[in-house]
Amino acid sequence: MTDIATIYKLSLVALTYVVQVYGTSCPVLDCWFVQEKSGRGGGFPAAMSQEKSLIYVRSDPDSAGGKSERRPPADINPARVYYVTDPGASLCSSSFSHQRAPSRSLSVK
């Protein structure tokens, strides 16, 4: 009887490990690349330029996923796509996930 319980516990531990390792994925972070424009002098604040950017985050530095698999949307300059490795997975937190508001339909009478 204890052998069955041990096998059950080990399979439960293995399943938990697999879900934690392979079940979590890091988000793609939408961000802005902001840069001061040159040529402004005096006491006035410098003009800023901003471009839409993406940050692809992965937690495993040895994973094969990377630049070749992911293509940025057409409205983003490929020079503003960044690939970041985060071994501690702190950027993979659910608080960084892009939450979309539920869509609402309006009816016109």
N, C-alpha and C. Protein backbone atom coordinates (compact mmCIF):
# COMPACT_ATOMS: atom_id res chain seq x y z
N MET A 1 0.81 -1.19 0.00
CA MET A 1 0.00 0.00 0.00
C MET A 1 0.86 1.26 0.00
N THR A 2 1.99 1.23 0.71
CA THR A 2 2.84 2.41 0.74
C THR A 2 3.54 2.64 -0.59
N ASP A 3 3.75 1.56 -1.36
CA ASP A 3 4.37 1.73 -2.68
C ASP A 3 3.46 2.51 -3.61
N ILE A 4 2.18 2.25 -3.57
CA ILE A 4 1.22 2.97 -4.41
C ILE A 4 1.15 4.43 -4.00
N ALA A 5 1.16 4.69 -2.70
CA ALA A 5 1.12 6.07 -2.21
C ALA A 5 2.37 6.83 -2.62
N THR A 6 3.52 6.17 -2.59
CA THR A 6 4.77 6.80 -2.99
C THR A 6 4.76 7.12 -4.47
N ILE A 7 4.29 6.20 -5.29
CA ILE A 7 4.20 6.44 -6.73
C ILE A 7 3.24 7.59 -7.01
N TYR A 8 2.13 7.62 -6.31
CA TYR A 8 1.15 8.69 -6.47
C TYR A 8 1.77 10.04 -6.12
N LYS A 9 2.49 10.11 -5.00
CA LYS A 9 3.11 11.36 -4.58
C LYS A 9 4.18 11.81 -5.57
N LEU A 10 5.00 10.87 -6.05
CA LEU A 10 6.03 11.23 -7.01
C LEU A 10 5.44 11.73 -8.33
N SER A 11 4.37 11.09 -8.78
CA SER A 11 3.74 11.55 -10.02
C SER A 11 3.10 12.92 -9.84
N LEU A 12 2.57 13.20 -8.67
CA LEU A 12 2.00 14.51 -8.38
C LEU A 12 3.08 15.58 -8.36
N VAL A 13 4.23 15.27 -7.76
CA VAL A 13 5.35 16.21 -7.73
C VAL A 13 5.87 16.46 -9.15
N ALA A 14 5.98 15.40 -9.95
CA ALA A 14 6.44 15.55 -11.33
C ALA A 14 5.47 16.40 -12.15
N LEU A 15 4.19 16.18 -11.98
CA LEU A 15 3.19 16.97 -12.71
C LEU A 15 3.26 18.44 -12.31
N THR A 16 3.42 18.71 -11.03
CA THR A 16 3.54 20.08 -10.56
C THR A 16 4.76 20.76 -11.16
N TYR A 17 5.87 20.04 -11.21
CA TYR A 17 7.09 20.58 -11.80
C TYR A 17 6.90 20.90 -13.28
N VAL A 18 6.30 19.99 -14.02
CA VAL A 18 6.08 20.20 -15.45
C VAL A 18 5.19 21.40 -15.70
N VAL A 19 4.14 21.55 -14.91
CA VAL A 19 3.24 22.69 -15.07
C VAL A 19 3.95 24.00 -14.77
N GLN A 20 4.79 24.01 -13.74
CA GLN A 20 5.50 25.24 -13.39
C GLN A 20 6.54 25.60 -14.43
N VAL A 21 7.23 24.63 -14.97
CA VAL A 21 8.29 24.92 -15.93
C VAL A 21 7.74 25.23 -17.31
N TYR A 22 6.85 24.39 -17.80
CA TYR A 22 6.38 24.54 -19.17
C TYR A 22 5.04 25.25 -19.28
N GLY A 23 4.33 25.37 -18.21
CA GLY A 23 3.01 25.99 -18.26
C GLY A 23 3.03 27.50 -18.16
N THR A 24 4.12 28.06 -17.73
CA THR A 24 4.20 29.50 -17.61
C THR A 24 4.98 30.05 -18.79
N SER A 25 4.47 31.09 -19.35
CA SER A 25 5.19 31.73 -20.44
C SER A 25 5.36 33.20 -20.10
N CYS A 26 6.44 33.74 -20.54
CA CYS A 26 6.71 35.14 -20.29
C CYS A 26 5.94 35.99 -21.29
N PRO A 27 5.49 37.15 -20.87
CA PRO A 27 4.71 37.98 -21.77
C PRO A 27 5.58 38.73 -22.76
N VAL A 28 4.94 39.22 -23.77
CA VAL A 28 5.57 40.18 -24.68
C VAL A 28 5.16 41.54 -24.14
N LEU A 29 6.14 42.36 -23.80
CA LEU A 29 5.84 43.65 -23.18
C LEU A 29 5.79 44.74 -24.23
N ASP A 30 4.68 45.47 -24.27
CA ASP A 30 4.56 46.65 -25.12
C ASP A 30 5.21 47.80 -24.37
N CYS A 31 6.01 48.58 -25.06
CA CYS A 31 6.65 49.71 -24.40
C CYS A 31 6.94 50.79 -25.43
N TRP A 32 7.51 51.88 -24.97
CA TRP A 32 7.88 52.99 -25.84
C TRP A 32 9.37 53.26 -25.70
N PHE A 33 10.03 53.46 -26.83
CA PHE A 33 11.43 53.87 -26.84
C PHE A 33 11.41 55.39 -26.92
N VAL A 34 11.88 56.06 -25.88
CA VAL A 34 11.83 57.52 -25.79
C VAL A 34 13.24 58.06 -25.86
N GLN A 35 13.40 59.12 -26.68
CA GLN A 35 14.73 59.69 -26.87
C GLN A 35 14.61 61.19 -27.05
N GLU A 36 15.56 61.94 -26.48
CA GLU A 36 15.58 63.39 -26.67
C GLU A 36 16.07 63.69 -28.07
N LYS A 37 15.43 64.68 -28.70
CA LYS A 37 15.90 65.13 -30.01
C LYS A 37 17.01 66.13 -29.79
N SER A 38 18.03 66.05 -30.59
CA SER A 38 19.16 66.97 -30.45
C SER A 38 18.85 68.28 -31.15
N GLY A 39 19.64 69.30 -30.81
CA GLY A 39 19.52 70.58 -31.49
C GLY A 39 18.74 71.63 -30.73
N ARG A 40 18.23 71.31 -29.59
CA ARG A 40 17.51 72.31 -28.80
C ARG A 40 18.44 72.84 -27.73
N GLY A 41 18.57 74.12 -27.64
CA GLY A 41 19.46 74.70 -26.66
C GLY A 41 18.69 75.61 -25.72
N GLY A 42 19.41 76.23 -24.81
CA GLY A 42 18.78 77.16 -23.89
C GLY A 42 18.12 76.46 -22.73
N GLY A 43 17.21 77.19 -22.10
CA GLY A 43 16.54 76.66 -20.92
C GLY A 43 15.26 75.91 -21.21
N PHE A 44 14.93 75.77 -22.49
CA PHE A 44 13.70 75.07 -22.83
C PHE A 44 13.89 73.57 -22.71
N PRO A 45 12.85 72.87 -22.34
CA PRO A 45 12.97 71.40 -22.29
C PRO A 45 13.18 70.84 -23.69
N ALA A 46 13.95 69.80 -23.75
CA ALA A 46 14.27 69.18 -25.04
C ALA A 46 13.05 68.48 -25.60
N ALA A 47 12.96 68.51 -26.92
CA ALA A 47 11.87 67.79 -27.59
C ALA A 47 12.15 66.30 -27.49
N MET A 48 11.08 65.52 -27.46
CA MET A 48 11.23 64.08 -27.32
C MET A 48 10.64 63.38 -28.53
N SER A 49 11.24 62.27 -28.87
CA SER A 49 10.64 61.40 -29.88
C SER A 49 10.36 60.07 -29.20
N GLN A 50 9.28 59.43 -29.61
CA GLN A 50 8.96 58.13 -29.03
C GLN A 50 8.49 57.20 -30.12
N GLU A 51 8.92 55.96 -30.01
CA GLU A 51 8.55 54.93 -30.97
C GLU A 51 8.01 53.73 -30.20
N LYS A 52 6.99 53.11 -30.77
CA LYS A 52 6.43 51.91 -30.16
C LYS A 52 7.46 50.79 -30.24
N SER A 53 7.62 50.03 -29.16
CA SER A 53 8.63 48.98 -29.09
C SER A 53 8.03 47.73 -28.45
N LEU A 54 8.76 46.64 -28.57
CA LEU A 54 8.38 45.37 -27.94
C LEU A 54 9.58 44.79 -27.23
N ILE A 55 9.32 44.13 -26.10
CA ILE A 55 10.35 43.39 -25.39
C ILE A 55 9.86 41.95 -25.27
N TYR A 56 10.60 41.02 -25.88
CA TYR A 56 10.31 39.60 -25.74
C TYR A 56 11.14 39.08 -24.57
N VAL A 57 10.49 38.49 -23.59
CA VAL A 57 11.16 38.01 -22.39
C VAL A 57 11.13 36.49 -22.38
N ARG A 58 12.27 35.89 -22.03
CA ARG A 58 12.31 34.45 -21.81
C ARG A 58 13.10 34.21 -20.52
N SER A 59 12.76 33.13 -19.84
CA SER A 59 13.41 32.87 -18.55
C SER A 59 14.54 31.87 -18.65
N ASP A 60 14.61 31.11 -19.74
CA ASP A 60 15.66 30.10 -19.89
C ASP A 60 16.70 30.60 -20.89
N PRO A 61 17.93 30.87 -20.45
CA PRO A 61 18.94 31.37 -21.38
C PRO A 61 19.34 30.37 -22.45
N ASP A 62 19.09 29.09 -22.22
CA ASP A 62 19.48 28.06 -23.18
C ASP A 62 18.34 27.63 -24.10
N SER A 63 17.19 28.29 -23.97
CA SER A 63 16.05 27.86 -24.79
C SER A 63 16.28 28.24 -26.25
N ALA A 64 15.71 27.45 -27.13
CA ALA A 64 15.89 27.67 -28.56
C ALA A 64 15.01 28.80 -29.08
N GLY A 65 13.93 29.13 -28.37
CA GLY A 65 13.04 30.19 -28.83
C GLY A 65 13.75 31.52 -28.84
N GLY A 66 13.48 32.28 -29.86
CA GLY A 66 14.17 33.56 -29.93
C GLY A 66 13.77 34.36 -31.13
N LYS A 67 14.76 35.01 -31.71
CA LYS A 67 14.51 35.96 -32.78
C LYS A 67 13.89 35.33 -34.01
N SER A 68 14.27 34.10 -34.33
CA SER A 68 13.80 33.50 -35.57
C SER A 68 12.32 33.14 -35.52
N GLU A 69 11.79 32.83 -34.34
CA GLU A 69 10.39 32.40 -34.22
C GLU A 69 9.40 33.55 -34.22
N ARG A 70 9.80 34.68 -33.69
CA ARG A 70 8.86 35.76 -33.44
C ARG A 70 9.04 36.88 -34.45
N ARG A 71 7.94 37.31 -34.99
CA ARG A 71 7.96 38.43 -35.93
C ARG A 71 7.15 39.57 -35.33
N PRO A 72 7.73 40.77 -35.32
CA PRO A 72 6.99 41.90 -34.75
C PRO A 72 5.85 42.33 -35.66
N PRO A 73 4.86 43.00 -35.11
CA PRO A 73 3.78 43.54 -35.94
C PRO A 73 4.34 44.56 -36.94
N ALA A 74 3.58 44.82 -37.98
CA ALA A 74 4.04 45.70 -39.06
C ALA A 74 4.25 47.14 -38.60
N ASP A 75 3.53 47.57 -37.56
CA ASP A 75 3.66 48.97 -37.12
C ASP A 75 4.84 49.22 -36.19
N ILE A 76 5.66 48.21 -35.95
CA ILE A 76 6.82 48.35 -35.07
C ILE A 76 8.10 48.18 -35.87
N ASN A 77 9.00 49.13 -35.71
CA ASN A 77 10.30 49.09 -36.37
C ASN A 77 11.09 47.89 -35.83
N PRO A 78 11.62 47.03 -36.70
CA PRO A 78 12.39 45.87 -36.22
C PRO A 78 13.60 46.24 -35.37
N ALA A 79 14.11 47.46 -35.52
CA ALA A 79 15.23 47.90 -34.69
C ALA A 79 14.79 48.19 -33.25
N ARG A 80 13.49 48.29 -33.03
CA ARG A 80 12.96 48.58 -31.69
C ARG A 80 12.33 47.35 -31.05
N VAL A 81 12.77 46.17 -31.47
CA VAL A 81 12.33 44.92 -30.86
C VAL A 81 13.51 44.38 -30.06
N TYR A 82 13.29 44.15 -28.78
CA TYR A 82 14.37 43.73 -27.90
C TYR A 82 14.08 42.34 -27.34
N TYR A 83 15.13 41.54 -27.20
CA TYR A 83 15.03 40.17 -26.67
C TYR A 83 15.81 40.13 -25.36
N VAL A 84 15.12 39.82 -24.27
CA VAL A 84 15.71 39.86 -22.94
C VAL A 84 15.60 38.49 -22.30
N THR A 85 16.69 38.05 -21.66
CA THR A 85 16.67 36.82 -20.88
C THR A 85 16.61 37.19 -19.41
N ASP A 86 15.62 36.67 -18.71
CA ASP A 86 15.40 36.95 -17.29
C ASP A 86 15.41 35.63 -16.52
N PRO A 87 16.60 35.15 -16.09
CA PRO A 87 16.68 33.85 -15.42
C PRO A 87 15.84 33.77 -14.15
N GLY A 88 15.65 34.87 -13.46
CA GLY A 88 14.85 34.88 -12.24
C GLY A 88 13.36 34.93 -12.50
N ALA A 89 12.98 35.13 -13.75
CA ALA A 89 11.58 35.20 -14.19
C ALA A 89 10.78 36.28 -13.48
N SER A 90 11.44 37.36 -13.05
CA SER A 90 10.70 38.43 -12.40
C SER A 90 9.86 39.23 -13.38
N LEU A 91 10.25 39.27 -14.66
CA LEU A 91 9.43 39.94 -15.67
C LEU A 91 8.31 39.05 -16.19
N CYS A 92 8.29 37.79 -15.80
CA CYS A 92 7.25 36.85 -16.23
C CYS A 92 6.05 36.89 -15.29
N SER A 93 6.03 37.82 -14.39
CA SER A 93 4.93 37.94 -13.43
C SER A 93 3.63 38.25 -14.16
N SER A 94 2.54 37.81 -13.59
CA SER A 94 1.24 38.07 -14.21
C SER A 94 0.88 39.55 -14.18
N SER A 95 1.53 40.33 -13.34
CA SER A 95 1.24 41.77 -13.30
C SER A 95 1.73 42.48 -14.55
N PHE A 96 2.66 41.87 -15.29
CA PHE A 96 3.14 42.45 -16.54
C PHE A 96 2.33 41.99 -17.74
N SER A 97 1.44 41.04 -17.55
CA SER A 97 0.65 40.53 -18.67
C SER A 97 -0.30 41.59 -19.17
N HIS A 98 -0.47 41.61 -20.47
CA HIS A 98 -1.35 42.59 -21.09
C HIS A 98 -2.79 42.17 -20.87
N GLN A 99 -3.51 42.93 -20.09
CA GLN A 99 -4.92 42.63 -19.80
C GLN A 99 -5.79 43.47 -20.72
N ARG A 100 -6.61 42.83 -21.49
CA ARG A 100 -7.52 43.56 -22.37
C ARG A 100 -8.87 43.70 -21.68
N ALA A 101 -9.44 44.86 -21.87
CA ALA A 101 -10.76 45.09 -21.30
C ALA A 101 -11.79 44.29 -22.09
N PRO A 102 -12.81 43.80 -21.42
CA PRO A 102 -13.84 43.05 -22.15
C PRO A 102 -14.53 43.96 -23.15
N SER A 103 -14.81 43.40 -24.31
CA SER A 103 -15.44 44.20 -25.35
C SER A 103 -16.92 44.38 -25.03
N ARG A 104 -17.40 45.53 -25.35
CA ARG A 104 -18.81 45.83 -25.12
C ARG A 104 -19.44 46.16 -26.46
N SER A 105 -20.60 45.66 -26.66
CA SER A 105 -21.30 45.97 -27.90
C SER A 105 -22.39 46.98 -27.61
N LEU A 106 -22.49 47.94 -28.49
CA LEU A 106 -23.52 48.96 -28.35
C LEU A 106 -24.59 48.70 -29.39
N SER A 107 -25.80 48.79 -28.98
CA SER A 107 -26.90 48.62 -29.93
C SER A 107 -27.55 49.97 -30.18
N VAL A 108 -27.74 50.26 -31.43
CA VAL A 108 -28.36 51.53 -31.82
C VAL A 108 -29.75 51.23 -32.33
N LYS A 109 -30.72 51.93 -31.79
CA LYS A 109 -32.11 51.71 -32.22
C LYS A 109 -32.59 52.84 -33.07
